[in-house]
Structures are given as C-alpha cells and as structure tokens.
C-alpha cells in the first residue's frame, strides 16, 4: 500500500490514479496523519471489497471455472434397515465420516 501526502498527491495525481487502477491502494496523509484511503472501484459484486483486497494481497485466488465435482461431493450416511438417525450419526463418527 502506497502512502502520499496531500501535496504529493496533488502534484502527481495521474500517476497515483494509474496505480489505483492497477489494484494498489493509496493512503493520503496530512502532516503525517492518515486522512483518507483511495482504493480501486470493485470490479465484482462484493459490497465490503474484502475479496478484492485479499486477492491483491496474494492471500486468495479467485476461481475462473466450475469446481471439480469430486471436491464437492460428500458421501451420504450409510442407511441400514431399522437404524435410527442417532445410530447412523454415531456410526459415522466412529468411522471418521
């Protein structure tokens, strides 16, 4: 994250706007005290802007395609005739599922 005083920002506004367009945030200071923050406009619908900040920081990577089906499938409970739900849950916990 870049830091710029008001005078630096005023003198080089185009350069700072280019940096913001590239995904960088700029903290604006007045006599050493932070008074504002300039962030890029959200390209995706994320009201808090959190996902974009995490992506810019390199902490997450936004997926571009559908997730692999094997990753999202979870085996269901092993149903046996006459078993109650409680018995099924206890059996799953014992087996590690």
Protein backbone atom coordinates (compact mmCIF):
# COMPACT_ATOMS: atom_id res chain seq x y z
CA UNK A 1 0.00 0.00 0.00
CA UNK A 2 1.42 3.35 -1.06
CA UNK A 3 1.41 6.46 1.12
CA UNK A 4 1.27 10.02 -0.23
CA UNK A 5 0.94 13.42 1.35
CA UNK A 6 -1.73 15.77 0.04
CA UNK A 7 0.87 17.83 -1.80
CA UNK A 8 2.44 14.73 -3.39
CA UNK A 9 -0.99 13.51 -4.42
CA UNK A 10 -1.90 16.92 -5.88
CA UNK A 11 1.34 17.15 -7.87
CA UNK A 12 1.23 13.57 -9.21
CA UNK A 13 -2.47 12.74 -9.25
CA UNK A 14 -2.39 10.97 -12.64
CA UNK A 15 0.41 8.65 -11.52
CA UNK A 16 -1.43 7.74 -8.30
CA UNK A 17 -4.68 7.15 -10.20
CA UNK A 18 -2.79 4.79 -12.53
CA UNK A 19 -1.51 2.87 -9.51
CA UNK A 20 -5.03 2.62 -8.09
CA UNK A 21 -6.30 1.36 -11.47
CA UNK A 22 -3.62 -1.33 -11.29
CA UNK A 23 -5.08 -2.52 -7.98
CA UNK A 24 -2.88 -0.64 -5.50
CA UNK A 25 -4.37 1.29 -2.58
CA UNK A 26 -3.07 4.73 -1.58
CA UNK A 27 -3.14 6.22 1.92
CA UNK A 28 -3.37 10.03 1.91
CA UNK A 29 -1.66 11.84 4.78
CA UNK A 30 -1.91 15.40 6.06
CA UNK A 31 1.18 16.34 8.07
CA UNK A 32 1.90 12.68 8.75
CA UNK A 33 -1.64 11.75 9.84
CA UNK A 34 -3.66 9.41 7.61
CA UNK A 35 -6.82 11.24 6.48
CA UNK A 36 -8.05 9.16 3.53
CA UNK A 37 -7.60 5.94 1.62
CA UNK A 38 -8.03 5.57 -2.14
CA UNK A 39 -9.00 2.07 -3.27
CA UNK A 40 -9.83 0.71 -6.71
CA UNK A 41 -13.53 0.52 -7.61
CA UNK A 42 -14.89 -3.01 -7.17
CA UNK A 43 -14.99 -4.95 -10.43
CA UNK A 44 -17.07 -7.78 -8.94
CA UNK A 45 -20.12 -7.53 -6.72
CA UNK A 46 -18.53 -7.71 -3.27
CA UNK A 47 -20.06 -4.99 -1.08
CA UNK A 48 -17.29 -5.00 1.50
CA UNK A 49 -14.50 -5.21 -1.08
CA UNK A 50 -12.85 -7.83 1.08
CA UNK A 51 -12.33 -10.40 -1.65
CA UNK A 52 -10.53 -7.91 -3.89
CA UNK A 53 -8.26 -6.81 -1.04
CA UNK A 54 -7.38 -10.42 -0.24
CA UNK A 55 -6.72 -11.13 -3.91
CA UNK A 56 -4.50 -8.04 -4.28
CA UNK A 57 -2.59 -9.08 -1.17
CA UNK A 58 -2.00 -12.51 -2.74
CA UNK A 59 -3.84 -14.35 0.03
CA UNK A 60 -6.58 -15.82 -2.17
CA UNK A 61 -7.03 -16.55 -5.84
CA UNK A 62 -10.47 -16.17 -7.39
CA UNK A 63 -11.53 -19.24 -9.35
CA UNK A 64 -12.21 -18.93 -13.05
CA UNK A 65 -14.21 -22.11 -13.68
CA UNK A 66 -16.53 -24.60 -12.05
CA UNK A 67 -15.13 -26.55 -9.10
CA UNK A 68 -14.27 -30.22 -9.64
CA UNK A 69 -17.36 -32.31 -8.89
CA UNK A 70 -15.32 -34.75 -6.79
CA UNK A 71 -14.40 -31.94 -4.38
CA UNK A 72 -17.98 -31.02 -3.58
CA UNK A 73 -19.49 -34.50 -3.35
CA UNK A 74 -19.78 -35.91 0.13
CA UNK A 75 -20.87 -39.49 0.70
CA UNK A 76 -24.24 -39.75 2.39
CA UNK A 77 -25.00 -41.72 5.53
CA UNK A 78 -24.97 -45.48 5.27
CA UNK A 79 -28.61 -46.31 5.68
CA UNK A 80 -29.47 -49.67 7.11
CA UNK A 81 -32.88 -51.10 7.71
CA UNK A 82 -34.13 -50.40 11.22
CA UNK A 83 -31.36 -47.95 12.24
CA UNK A 84 -32.35 -44.67 13.87
CA UNK A 85 -30.82 -41.34 12.91
CA UNK A 86 -28.90 -41.27 16.19
CA UNK A 87 -27.38 -44.67 15.44
CA UNK A 88 -26.40 -43.52 11.95
CA UNK A 89 -24.71 -40.37 13.31
CA UNK A 90 -22.84 -42.34 15.99
CA UNK A 91 -21.74 -44.87 13.38
CA UNK A 92 -20.45 -42.06 11.13
CA UNK A 93 -18.50 -40.52 13.99
CA UNK A 94 -16.90 -43.85 14.81
CA UNK A 95 -15.90 -44.48 11.19
CA UNK A 96 -14.46 -40.97 10.68
CA UNK A 97 -17.10 -39.62 8.29
